[in-house]
Amino acid sequence: ASIRVAQADASLAQAELERAEALVSRGFISKADMD
């Protein structure tokens, strides 16, 4: 079960990163936030 929890957290982190990459070119997200 802990594997499934960790996989869900990893999927959420991956989705947030992809959304941030779409906004960084417009200047809404700083490079520090992306890191």
PDB file of all heavy atoms in Angstrom:
ATOM      1  N   ALA A   1       0.827  -1.209   0.000  1.00  0.00           N
ATOM      2  CA  ALA A   1       0.000   0.000   0.000  1.00  0.00           C
ATOM      3  C   ALA A   1       0.860   1.256   0.000  1.00  0.00           C
ATOM      4  O   ALA A   1       0.524   2.260  -0.648  1.00  0.00           O
ATOM      5  CB  ALA A   1      -0.929  -0.019   1.207  1.00  0.00           C
ATOM      6  N   SER A   2       1.975   1.204   0.706  1.00  0.00           N
ATOM      7  CA  SER A   2       2.852   2.378   0.729  1.00  0.00           C
ATOM      8  C   SER A   2       3.436   2.667  -0.649  1.00  0.00           C
ATOM      9  O   SER A   2       3.724   3.826  -0.987  1.00  0.00           O
ATOM     10  CB  SER A   2       3.967   2.181   1.750  1.00  0.00           C
ATOM     11  OG  SER A   2       4.864   1.170   1.330  1.00  0.00           O
ATOM     12  N   ILE A   3       3.596   1.637  -1.453  1.00  0.00           N
ATOM     13  CA  ILE A   3       4.066   1.851  -2.829  1.00  0.00           C
ATOM     14  C   ILE A   3       3.039   2.664  -3.605  1.00  0.00           C
ATOM     15  O   ILE A   3       3.379   3.620  -4.327  1.00  0.00           O
ATOM     16  CB  ILE A   3       4.344   0.502  -3.522  1.00  0.00           C
ATOM     17  CG1 ILE A   3       5.531  -0.220  -2.875  1.00  0.00           C
ATOM     18  CG2 ILE A   3       4.625   0.717  -5.013  1.00  0.00           C
ATOM     19  CD1 ILE A   3       5.780  -1.600  -3.431  1.00  0.00           C
ATOM     20  N   ARG A   4       1.787   2.302  -3.434  1.00  0.00           N
ATOM     21  CA  ARG A   4       0.737   3.021  -4.162  1.00  0.00           C
ATOM     22  C   ARG A   4       0.635   4.480  -3.706  1.00  0.00           C
ATOM     23  O   ARG A   4       0.412   5.397  -4.505  1.00  0.00           O
ATOM     24  CB  ARG A   4      -0.598   2.296  -3.989  1.00  0.00           C
ATOM     25  CG  ARG A   4      -0.626   0.932  -4.674  1.00  0.00           C
ATOM     26  CD  ARG A   4      -2.031   0.360  -4.715  1.00  0.00           C
ATOM     27  NE  ARG A   4      -2.498  -0.005  -3.372  1.00  0.00           N
ATOM     28  CZ  ARG A   4      -2.284  -1.186  -2.814  1.00  0.00           C
ATOM     29  NH1 ARG A   4      -1.579  -2.106  -3.480  1.00  0.00           N
ATOM     30  NH2 ARG A   4      -2.744  -1.449  -1.617  1.00  0.00           N
ATOM     31  N   VAL A   5       0.803   4.735  -2.395  1.00  0.00           N
ATOM     32  CA  VAL A   5       0.795   6.122  -1.884  1.00  0.00           C
ATOM     33  C   VAL A   5       1.946   6.907  -2.491  1.00  0.00           C
ATOM     34  O   VAL A   5       1.785   8.061  -2.952  1.00  0.00           O
ATOM     35  CB  VAL A   5       0.878   6.123  -0.346  1.00  0.00           C
ATOM     36  CG1 VAL A   5       1.089   7.539   0.177  1.00  0.00           C
ATOM     37  CG2 VAL A   5      -0.373   5.507   0.254  1.00  0.00           C
ATOM     38  N   ALA A   6       3.118   6.308  -2.505  1.00  0.00           N
ATOM     39  CA  ALA A   6       4.283   6.996  -3.062  1.00  0.00           C
ATOM     40  C   ALA A   6       4.105   7.262  -4.550  1.00  0.00           C
ATOM     41  O   ALA A   6       4.509   8.327  -5.060  1.00  0.00           O
ATOM     42  CB  ALA A   6       5.532   6.162  -2.803  1.00  0.00           C
ATOM     43  N   GLN A   7       3.508   6.319  -5.263  1.00  0.00           N
ATOM     44  CA  GLN A   7       3.279   6.532  -6.695  1.00  0.00           C
ATOM     45  C   GLN A   7       2.291   7.688  -6.937  1.00  0.00           C
ATOM     46  O   GLN A   7       2.451   8.473  -7.872  1.00  0.00           O
ATOM     47  CB  GLN A   7       2.767   5.236  -7.321  1.00  0.00           C
ATOM     48  CG  GLN A   7       3.833   4.157  -7.458  1.00  0.00           C
ATOM     49  CD  GLN A   7       3.261   2.839  -7.934  1.00  0.00           C
ATOM     50  OE1 GLN A   7       2.035   2.597  -7.801  1.00  0.00           O
ATOM     51  NE2 GLN A   7       4.132   1.995  -8.484  1.00  0.00           N
ATOM     52  N   ALA A   8       1.261   7.815  -6.079  1.00  0.00           N
ATOM     53  CA  ALA A   8       0.295   8.917  -6.209  1.00  0.00           C
ATOM     54  C   ALA A   8       0.980  10.253  -5.971  1.00  0.00           C
ATOM     55  O   ALA A   8       0.752  11.239  -6.708  1.00  0.00           O
ATOM     56  CB  ALA A   8      -0.850   8.712  -5.229  1.00  0.00           C
ATOM     57  N   ASP A   9       1.830  10.319  -4.941  1.00  0.00           N
ATOM     58  CA  ASP A   9       2.566  11.557  -4.686  1.00  0.00           C
ATOM     59  C   ASP A   9       3.477  11.899  -5.858  1.00  0.00           C
ATOM     60  O   ASP A   9       3.617  13.077  -6.248  1.00  0.00           O
ATOM     61  CB  ASP A   9       3.391  11.422  -3.412  1.00  0.00           C
ATOM     62  CG  ASP A   9       2.516  11.334  -2.166  1.00  0.00           C
ATOM     63  OD1 ASP A   9       1.334  11.735  -2.245  1.00  0.00           O
ATOM     64  OD2 ASP A   9       3.009  10.848  -1.119  1.00  0.00           O
ATOM     65  N   ALA A  10       4.103  10.882  -6.437  1.00  0.00           N
ATOM     66  CA  ALA A  10       4.998  11.126  -7.563  1.00  0.00           C
ATOM     67  C   ALA A  10       4.209  11.619  -8.777  1.00  0.00           C
ATOM     68  O   ALA A  10       4.664  12.512  -9.519  1.00  0.00           O
ATOM     69  CB  ALA A  10       5.769   9.852  -7.897  1.00  0.00           C
ATOM     70  N   SER A  11       3.038  11.071  -9.001  1.00  0.00           N
ATOM     71  CA  SER A  11       2.211  11.525 -10.136  1.00  0.00           C
ATOM     72  C   SER A  11       1.784  12.981  -9.939  1.00  0.00           C
ATOM     73  O   SER A  11       1.791  13.784 -10.894  1.00  0.00           O
ATOM     74  CB  SER A  11       0.984  10.616 -10.277  1.00  0.00           C
ATOM     75  OG  SER A  11       1.381   9.292 -10.540  1.00  0.00           O
ATOM     76  N   LEU A  12       1.372  13.354  -8.713  1.00  0.00           N
ATOM     77  CA  LEU A  12       0.968  14.728  -8.426  1.00  0.00           C
ATOM     78  C   LEU A  12       2.134  15.692  -8.629  1.00  0.00           C
ATOM     79  O   LEU A  12       1.996  16.770  -9.238  1.00  0.00           O
ATOM     80  CB  LEU A  12       0.434  14.826  -7.003  1.00  0.00           C
ATOM     81  CG  LEU A  12      -0.008  16.218  -6.545  1.00  0.00           C
ATOM     82  CD1 LEU A  12      -1.128  16.762  -7.447  1.00  0.00           C
ATOM     83  CD2 LEU A  12      -0.456  16.184  -5.095  1.00  0.00           C
ATOM     84  N   ALA A  13       3.318  15.333  -8.157  1.00  0.00           N
ATOM     85  CA  ALA A  13       4.493  16.191  -8.305  1.00  0.00           C
ATOM     86  C   ALA A  13       4.853  16.365  -9.769  1.00  0.00           C
ATOM     87  O   ALA A  13       5.248  17.466 -10.209  1.00  0.00           O
ATOM     88  CB  ALA A  13       5.667  15.590  -7.527  1.00  0.00           C
ATOM     89  N   GLN A  14       4.705  15.292 -10.557  1.00  0.00           N
ATOM     90  CA  GLN A  14       4.995  15.379 -11.983  1.00  0.00           C
ATOM     91  C   GLN A  14       3.997  16.317 -12.690  1.00  0.00           C
ATOM     92  O   GLN A  14       4.389  17.130 -13.539  1.00  0.00           O
ATOM     93  CB  GLN A  14       4.950  13.983 -12.606  1.00  0.00           C
ATOM     94  CG  GLN A  14       5.233  13.960 -14.093  1.00  0.00           C
ATOM     95  CD  GLN A  14       6.660  14.400 -14.423  1.00  0.00           C
ATOM     96  OE1 GLN A  14       7.590  14.164 -13.657  1.00  0.00           O
ATOM     97  NE2 GLN A  14       6.837  15.077 -15.558  1.00  0.00           N
ATOM     98  N   ALA A  15       2.719  16.272 -12.323  1.00  0.00           N
ATOM     99  CA  ALA A  15       1.696  17.137 -12.936  1.00  0.00           C
ATOM    100  C   ALA A  15       1.940  18.606 -12.596  1.00  0.00           C
ATOM    101  O   ALA A  15       1.814  19.497 -13.467  1.00  0.00           O
ATOM    102  CB  ALA A  15       0.314  16.702 -12.487  1.00  0.00           C
ATOM    103  N   GLU A  16       2.276  18.888 -11.358  1.00  0.00           N
ATOM    104  CA  GLU A  16       2.552  20.266 -10.961  1.00  0.00           C
ATOM    105  C   GLU A  16       3.766  20.810 -11.703  1.00  0.00           C
ATOM    106  O   GLU A  16       3.806  21.986 -12.097  1.00  0.00           O
ATOM    107  CB  GLU A  16       2.769  20.353  -9.451  1.00  0.00           C
ATOM    108  CG  GLU A  16       1.497  20.120  -8.649  1.00  0.00           C
ATOM    109  CD  GLU A  16       1.724  20.215  -7.155  1.00  0.00           C
ATOM    110  OE1 GLU A  16       2.922  20.317  -6.756  1.00  0.00           O
ATOM    111  OE2 GLU A  16       0.748  20.169  -6.394  1.00  0.00           O
ATOM    112  N   LEU A  17       4.767  19.978 -11.884  1.00  0.00           N
ATOM    113  CA  LEU A  17       5.946  20.413 -12.618  1.00  0.00           C
ATOM    114  C   LEU A  17       5.605  20.741 -14.068  1.00  0.00           C
ATOM    115  O   LEU A  17       6.080  21.746 -14.624  1.00  0.00           O
ATOM    116  CB  LEU A  17       7.025  19.322 -12.553  1.00  0.00           C
ATOM    117  CG  LEU A  17       8.308  19.619 -13.327  1.00  0.00           C
ATOM    118  CD1 LEU A  17       9.001  20.870 -12.780  1.00  0.00           C
ATOM    119  CD2 LEU A  17       9.249  18.413 -13.257  1.00  0.00           C
ATOM    120  N   GLU A  18       4.785  19.930 -14.686  1.00  0.00           N
ATOM    121  CA  GLU A  18       4.412  20.185 -16.074  1.00  0.00           C
ATOM    122  C   GLU A  18       3.607  21.490 -16.209  1.00  0.00           C
ATOM    123  O   GLU A  18       3.795  22.250 -17.164  1.00  0.00           O
ATOM    124  CB  GLU A  18       3.613  19.005 -16.606  1.00  0.00           C
ATOM    125  CG  GLU A  18       4.464  17.743 -16.771  1.00  0.00           C
ATOM    126  CD  GLU A  18       3.623  16.533 -17.176  1.00  0.00           C
ATOM    127  OE1 GLU A  18       2.373  16.665 -17.214  1.00  0.00           O
ATOM    128  OE2 GLU A  18       4.207  15.453 -17.427  1.00  0.00           O
ATOM    129  N   ARG A  19       2.701  21.786 -15.254  1.00  0.00           N
ATOM    130  CA  ARG A  19       1.948  23.041 -15.300  1.00  0.00           C
ATOM    131  C   ARG A  19       2.857  24.250 -15.102  1.00  0.00           C
ATOM    132  O   ARG A  19       2.710  25.306 -15.742  1.00  0.00           O
ATOM    133  CB  ARG A  19       0.839  23.033 -14.260  1.00  0.00           C
ATOM    134  CG  ARG A  19      -0.330  22.133 -14.616  1.00  0.00           C
ATOM    135  CD  ARG A  19      -1.509  22.396 -13.709  1.00  0.00           C
ATOM    136  NE  ARG A  19      -1.218  22.063 -12.318  1.00  0.00           N
ATOM    137  CZ  ARG A  19      -1.456  20.885 -11.768  1.00  0.00           C
ATOM    138  NH1 ARG A  19      -1.942  19.886 -12.523  1.00  0.00           N
ATOM    139  NH2 ARG A  19      -1.176  20.674 -10.500  1.00  0.00           N
ATOM    140  N   ALA A  20       3.809  24.078 -14.218  1.00  0.00           N
ATOM    141  CA  ALA A  20       4.740  25.190 -13.966  1.00  0.00           C
ATOM    142  C   ALA A  20       5.599  25.462 -15.189  1.00  0.00           C
ATOM    143  O   ALA A  20       5.919  26.623 -15.498  1.00  0.00           O
ATOM    144  CB  ALA A  20       5.610  24.854 -12.759  1.00  0.00           C
ATOM    145  N   GLU A  21       6.010  24.450 -15.900  1.00  0.00           N
ATOM    146  CA  GLU A  21       6.818  24.639 -17.106  1.00  0.00           C
ATOM    147  C   GLU A  21       6.041  25.414 -18.177  1.00  0.00           C
ATOM    148  O   GLU A  21       6.628  26.172 -18.968  1.00  0.00           O
ATOM    149  CB  GLU A  21       7.281  23.276 -17.642  1.00  0.00           C
ATOM    150  CG  GLU A  21       8.365  22.618 -16.787  1.00  0.00           C
ATOM    151  CD  GLU A  21       8.714  21.228 -17.291  1.00  0.00           C
ATOM    152  OE1 GLU A  21       7.930  20.672 -18.113  1.00  0.00           O
ATOM    153  OE2 GLU A  21       9.755  20.680 -16.861  1.00  0.00           O
ATOM    154  N   ALA A  22       4.720  25.262 -18.207  1.00  0.00           N
ATOM    155  CA  ALA A  22       3.907  26.005 -19.191  1.00  0.00           C
ATOM    156  C   ALA A  22       3.804  27.477 -18.840  1.00  0.00           C
ATOM    157  O   ALA A  22       3.592  28.337 -19.707  1.00  0.00           O
ATOM    158  CB  ALA A  22       2.515  25.379 -19.276  1.00  0.00           C
ATOM    159  N   LEU A  23       3.952  27.842 -17.562  1.00  0.00           N
ATOM    160  CA  LEU A  23       3.810  29.229 -17.122  1.00  0.00           C
ATOM    161  C   LEU A  23       5.138  29.959 -16.989  1.00  0.00           C
ATOM    162  O   LEU A  23       5.157  31.198 -16.881  1.00  0.00           O
ATOM    163  CB  LEU A  23       3.075  29.278 -15.775  1.00  0.00           C
ATOM    164  CG  LEU A  23       1.641  28.734 -15.769  1.00  0.00           C
ATOM    165  CD1 LEU A  23       1.105  28.722 -14.355  1.00  0.00           C
ATOM    166  CD2 LEU A  23       0.757  29.591 -16.672  1.00  0.00           C
ATOM    167  N   VAL A  24       6.233  29.241 -17.003  1.00  0.00           N
ATOM    168  CA  VAL A  24       7.504  29.895 -16.768  1.00  0.00           C
ATOM    169  C   VAL A  24       7.888  30.827 -17.909  1.00  0.00           C
ATOM    170  O   VAL A  24       8.531  31.858 -17.702  1.00  0.00           O
ATOM    171  CB  VAL A  24       8.607  28.832 -16.538  1.00  0.00           C
ATOM    172  CG1 VAL A  24       8.929  28.074 -17.822  1.00  0.00           C
ATOM    173  CG2 VAL A  24       9.862  29.488 -15.949  1.00  0.00           C
ATOM    174  N   SER A  25       7.462  30.469 -19.123  1.00  0.00           N
ATOM    175  CA  SER A  25       7.797  31.321 -20.275  1.00  0.00           C
ATOM    176  C   SER A  25       7.060  32.669 -20.213  1.00  0.00           C
ATOM    177  O   SER A  25       7.491  33.653 -20.805  1.00  0.00           O
ATOM    178  CB  SER A  25       7.478  30.608 -21.580  1.00  0.00           C
ATOM    179  OG  SER A  25       6.098  30.292 -21.638  1.00  0.00           O
ATOM    180  N   ARG A  26       5.930  32.754 -19.528  1.00  0.00           N
ATOM    181  CA  ARG A  26       5.161  33.989 -19.398  1.00  0.00           C
ATOM    182  C   ARG A  26       5.630  34.827 -18.208  1.00  0.00           C
ATOM    183  O   ARG A  26       5.082  35.913 -17.962  1.00  0.00           O
ATOM    184  CB  ARG A  26       3.673  33.670 -19.237  1.00  0.00           C
ATOM    185  CG  ARG A  26       3.100  32.892 -20.417  1.00  0.00           C
ATOM    186  CD  ARG A  26       1.638  32.569 -20.168  1.00  0.00           C
ATOM    187  NE  ARG A  26       1.104  31.687 -21.218  1.00  0.00           N
ATOM    188  CZ  ARG A  26      -0.150  31.256 -21.257  1.00  0.00           C
ATOM    189  NH1 ARG A  26      -0.995  31.620 -20.280  1.00  0.00           N
ATOM    190  NH2 ARG A  26      -0.559  30.479 -22.236  1.00  0.00           N
ATOM    191  N   GLY A  27       6.522  34.286 -17.450  1.00  0.00           N
ATOM    192  CA  GLY A  27       7.046  35.051 -16.333  1.00  0.00           C
ATOM    193  C   GLY A  27       6.272  34.903 -15.049  1.00  0.00           C
ATOM    194  O   GLY A  27       6.538  35.643 -14.091  1.00  0.00           O
ATOM    195  N   PHE A  28       5.315  34.017 -15.005  1.00  0.00           N
ATOM    196  CA  PHE A  28       4.516  33.855 -13.779  1.00  0.00           C
ATOM    197  C   PHE A  28       5.236  32.983 -12.728  1.00  0.00           C
ATOM    198  O   PHE A  28       4.923  33.058 -11.547  1.00  0.00           O
ATOM    199  CB  PHE A  28       3.156  33.220 -14.093  1.00  0.00           C
ATOM    200  CG  PHE A  28       2.285  34.092 -14.944  1.00  0.00           C
ATOM    201  CD1 PHE A  28       2.061  33.786 -16.279  1.00  0.00           C
ATOM    202  CD2 PHE A  28       1.698  35.233 -14.415  1.00  0.00           C
ATOM    203  CE1 PHE A  28       1.256  34.596 -17.057  1.00  0.00           C
ATOM    204  CE2 PHE A  28       0.887  36.036 -15.198  1.00  0.00           C
ATOM    205  CZ  PHE A  28       0.666  35.732 -16.537  1.00  0.00           C
ATOM    206  N   ILE A  29       6.153  32.167 -13.138  1.00  0.00           N
ATOM    207  CA  ILE A  29       6.868  31.252 -12.233  1.00  0.00           C
ATOM    208  C   ILE A  29       8.348  31.559 -12.343  1.00  0.00           C
ATOM    209  O   ILE A  29       8.908  31.650 -13.443  1.00  0.00           O
ATOM    210  CB  ILE A  29       6.607  29.778 -12.607  1.00  0.00           C
ATOM    211  CG1 ILE A  29       5.113  29.472 -12.529  1.00  0.00           C
ATOM    212  CG2 ILE A  29       7.401  28.847 -11.694  1.00  0.00           C
ATOM    213  CD1 ILE A  29       4.540  29.541 -11.146  1.00  0.00           C
ATOM    214  N   SER A  30       8.965  31.712 -11.187  1.00  0.00           N
ATOM    215  CA  SER A  30      10.402  31.969 -11.192  1.00  0.00           C
ATOM    216  C   SER A  30      11.176  30.670 -11.371  1.00  0.00           C
ATOM    217  O   SER A  30      10.667  29.561 -11.180  1.00  0.00           O
ATOM    218  CB  SER A  30      10.814  32.637  -9.887  1.00  0.00           C
ATOM    219  OG  SER A  30      10.632  31.735  -8.803  1.00  0.00           O
ATOM    220  N   LYS A  31      12.447  30.846 -11.721  1.00  0.00           N
ATOM    221  CA  LYS A  31      13.294  29.667 -11.892  1.00  0.00           C
ATOM    222  C   LYS A  31      13.514  28.940 -10.564  1.00  0.00           C
ATOM    223  O   LYS A  31      13.641  27.713 -10.518  1.00  0.00           O
ATOM    224  CB  LYS A  31      14.623  30.073 -12.488  1.00  0.00           C
ATOM    225  CG  LYS A  31      14.516  30.546 -13.939  1.00  0.00           C
ATOM    226  CD  LYS A  31      15.899  30.872 -14.504  1.00  0.00           C
ATOM    227  CE  LYS A  31      15.775  31.284 -15.981  1.00  0.00           C
ATOM    228  NZ  LYS A  31      17.092  31.594 -16.571  1.00  0.00           N
ATOM    229  N   ALA A  32      13.520  29.695  -9.478  1.00  0.00           N
ATOM    230  CA  ALA A  32      13.689  29.054  -8.161  1.00  0.00           C
ATOM    231  C   ALA A  32      12.501  28.143  -7.847  1.00  0.00           C
ATOM    232  O   ALA A  32      12.658  27.022  -7.328  1.00  0.00           O
ATOM    233  CB  ALA A  32      13.845  30.108  -7.079  1.00  0.00           C
ATOM    234  N   ASP A  33      11.311  28.594  -8.188  1.00  0.00           N
ATOM    235  CA  ASP A  33      10.128  27.751  -7.978  1.00  0.00           C
ATOM    236  C   ASP A  33      10.200  26.494  -8.841  1.00  0.00           C
ATOM    237  O   ASP A  33       9.789  25.391  -8.426  1.00  0.00           O
ATOM    238  CB  ASP A  33       8.871  28.541  -8.296  1.00  0.00           C
ATOM    239  CG  ASP A  33       8.596  29.638  -7.262  1.00  0.00           C
ATOM    240  OD1 ASP A  33       9.114  29.485  -6.116  1.00  0.00           O
ATOM    241  OD2 ASP A  33       7.905  30.598  -7.590  1.00  0.00           O
ATOM    242  N   MET A  34      10.715  26.641 -10.053  1.00  0.00           N
ATOM    243  CA  MET A  34      10.833  25.483 -10.939  1.00  0.00           C
ATOM    244  C   MET A  34      11.818  24.447 -10.356  1.00  0.00           C
ATOM    245  O   MET A  34      11.573  23.241 -10.391  1.00  0.00           O
ATOM    246  CB  MET A  34      11.321  25.929 -12.318  1.00  0.00           C
ATOM    247  CG  MET A  34      10.269  26.663 -13.121  1.00  0.00           C
ATOM    248  SD  MET A  34       8.835  25.606 -13.482  1.00  0.00           S
ATOM    249  CE  MET A  34       9.592  24.322 -14.458  1.00  0.00           C
ATOM    250  N   ASP A  35      12.909  24.949  -9.783  1.00  0.00           N
ATOM    251  CA  ASP A  35      13.874  24.005  -9.184  1.00  0.00           C
ATOM    252  C   ASP A  35      13.249  23.245  -8.021  1.00  0.00           C
ATOM    253  O   ASP A  35      13.472  22.036  -7.850  1.00  0.00           O
ATOM    254  CB  ASP A  35      15.111  24.767  -8.714  1.00  0.00           C
ATOM    255  CG  ASP A  35      15.921  25.322  -9.888  1.00  0.00           C
ATOM    256  OD1 ASP A  35      15.759  24.774 -11.017  1.00  0.00           O
ATOM    257  OD2 ASP A  35      16.709  26.248  -9.677  1.00  0.00           O
TER     258      ASP A  35
END
